[in-house]
C-alpha atoms as a PDB file:
ATOM      1  CA  UNK A   1      29.269 -43.187-105.278  1.00  0.00           C
ATOM      2  CA  UNK A   2      30.945 -46.123-105.238  1.00  0.00           C
ATOM      3  CA  UNK A   3      31.881 -47.814-108.644  1.00  0.00           C
ATOM      4  CA  UNK A   4      29.573 -50.481-107.976  1.00  0.00           C
ATOM      5  CA  UNK A   5      26.249 -48.181-107.722  1.00  0.00           C
ATOM      6  CA  UNK A   6      27.856 -46.325-110.635  1.00  0.00           C
ATOM      7  CA  UNK A   7      27.446 -49.758-112.794  1.00  0.00           C
ATOM      8  CA  UNK A   8      24.003 -50.548-112.046  1.00  0.00           C
ATOM      9  CA  UNK A   9      23.130 -47.226-112.506  1.00  0.00           C
ATOM     10  CA  UNK A  10      24.344 -47.202-115.845  1.00  0.00           C
ATOM     11  CA  UNK A  11      23.177 -50.728-117.172  1.00  0.00           C
ATOM     12  CA  UNK A  12      19.846 -49.526-115.958  1.00  0.00           C
ATOM     13  CA  UNK A  13      19.558 -46.649-117.349  1.00  0.00           C
ATOM     14  CA  UNK A  14      20.773 -48.468-120.795  1.00  0.00           C
ATOM     15  CA  UNK A  15      17.609 -51.015-120.131  1.00  0.00           C
ATOM     16  CA  UNK A  16      15.019 -48.743-119.490  1.00  0.00           C
ATOM     17  CA  UNK A  17      15.978 -46.577-122.125  1.00  0.00           C
ATOM     18  CA  UNK A  18      15.545 -49.799-124.520  1.00  0.00           C
ATOM     19  CA  UNK A  19      12.812 -50.651-123.117  1.00  0.00           C
ATOM     20  CA  UNK A  20      10.748 -47.189-123.941  1.00  0.00           C
ATOM     21  CA  UNK A  21      12.368 -47.608-126.993  1.00  0.00           C
ATOM     22  CA  UNK A  22      10.708 -50.872-127.790  1.00  0.00           C
ATOM     23  CA  UNK A  23       7.680 -50.217-126.398  1.00  0.00           C
ATOM     24  CA  UNK A  24       7.289 -46.668-128.555  1.00  0.00           C
ATOM     25  CA  UNK A  25       7.789 -48.490-131.926  1.00  0.00           C
ATOM     26  CA  UNK A  26       6.139 -52.029-130.734  1.00  0.00           C
ATOM     27  CA  UNK A  27       9.631 -53.554-131.624  1.00  0.00           C
ATOM     28  CA  UNK A  28      10.582 -56.251-129.665  1.00  0.00           C
ATOM     29  CA  UNK A  29      14.194 -56.705-130.856  1.00  0.00           C
ATOM     30  CA  UNK A  30      15.480 -53.489-129.830  1.00  0.00           C
ATOM     31  CA  UNK A  31      16.249 -53.979-126.843  1.00  0.00           C
ATOM     32  CA  UNK A  32      18.775 -56.471-127.731  1.00  0.00           C
ATOM     33  CA  UNK A  33      20.686 -53.751-128.653  1.00  0.00           C
ATOM     34  CA  UNK A  34      21.302 -52.911-125.474  1.00  0.00           C
ATOM     35  CA  UNK A  35      23.328 -55.682-124.986  1.00  0.00           C
ATOM     36  CA  UNK A  36      26.082 -53.544-126.845  1.00  0.00           C
ATOM     37  CA  UNK A  37      25.912 -50.993-124.527  1.00  0.00           C
ATOM     38  CA  UNK A  38      26.155 -52.978-120.824  1.00  0.00           C
ATOM     39  CA  UNK A  39      29.464 -52.784-119.578  1.00  0.00           C
ATOM     40  CA  UNK A  40      30.773 -54.498-116.832  1.00  0.00           C
ATOM     41  CA  UNK A  41      33.293 -54.112-113.955  1.00  0.00           C
ATOM     42  CA  UNK A  42      37.244 -55.339-113.813  1.00  0.00           C
ATOM     43  CA  UNK A  43      38.925 -55.736-111.580  1.00  0.00           C
ATOM     44  CA  UNK A  44      42.125 -54.105-110.869  1.00  0.00           C
ATOM     45  CA  UNK A  45      45.567 -55.848-111.626  1.00  0.00           C
ATOM     46  CA  UNK A  46      48.139 -55.218-108.597  1.00  0.00           C
ATOM     47  CA  UNK A  47      51.184 -53.712-109.371  1.00  0.00           C
ATOM     48  CA  UNK A  48      54.133 -55.581-110.288  1.00  0.00           C
ATOM     49  CA  UNK A  49      56.357 -54.765-107.392  1.00  0.00           C
ATOM     50  CA  UNK A  50      59.842 -54.120-107.778  1.00  0.00           C
ATOM     51  CA  UNK A  51      62.551 -56.780-106.122  1.00  0.00           C
ATOM     52  CA  UNK A  52      65.304 -54.323-106.376  1.00  0.00           C
ATOM     53  CA  UNK A  53      67.315 -56.422-108.995  1.00  0.00           C
ATOM     54  CA  UNK A  54      67.574 -54.174-111.528  1.00  0.00           C
ATOM     55  CA  UNK A  55      71.272 -54.621-112.884  1.00  0.00           C
ATOM     56  CA  UNK A  56      71.415 -50.882-113.483  1.00  0.00           C
ATOM     57  CA  UNK A  57      71.999 -50.248-109.860  1.00  0.00           C
ATOM     58  CA  UNK A  58      72.762 -52.684-107.960  1.00  0.00           C
ATOM     59  CA  UNK A  59      76.483 -53.188-110.134  1.00  0.00           C
ATOM     60  CA  UNK A  60      75.486 -56.501-112.458  1.00  0.00           C
END
């Protein structure tokens, strides 16, 4: 399962659960709490590559 699929499933479950709670208790504002549990994906940054300019190993 990919990261996007897991992200979509998790956020869908959150919205569905809070919607059910809102309907059960009859309070529409309960769904606003689902915003606290939504997650987002971040693009991983590429690690900085060593260009060989370390002074310890180049005699500097």
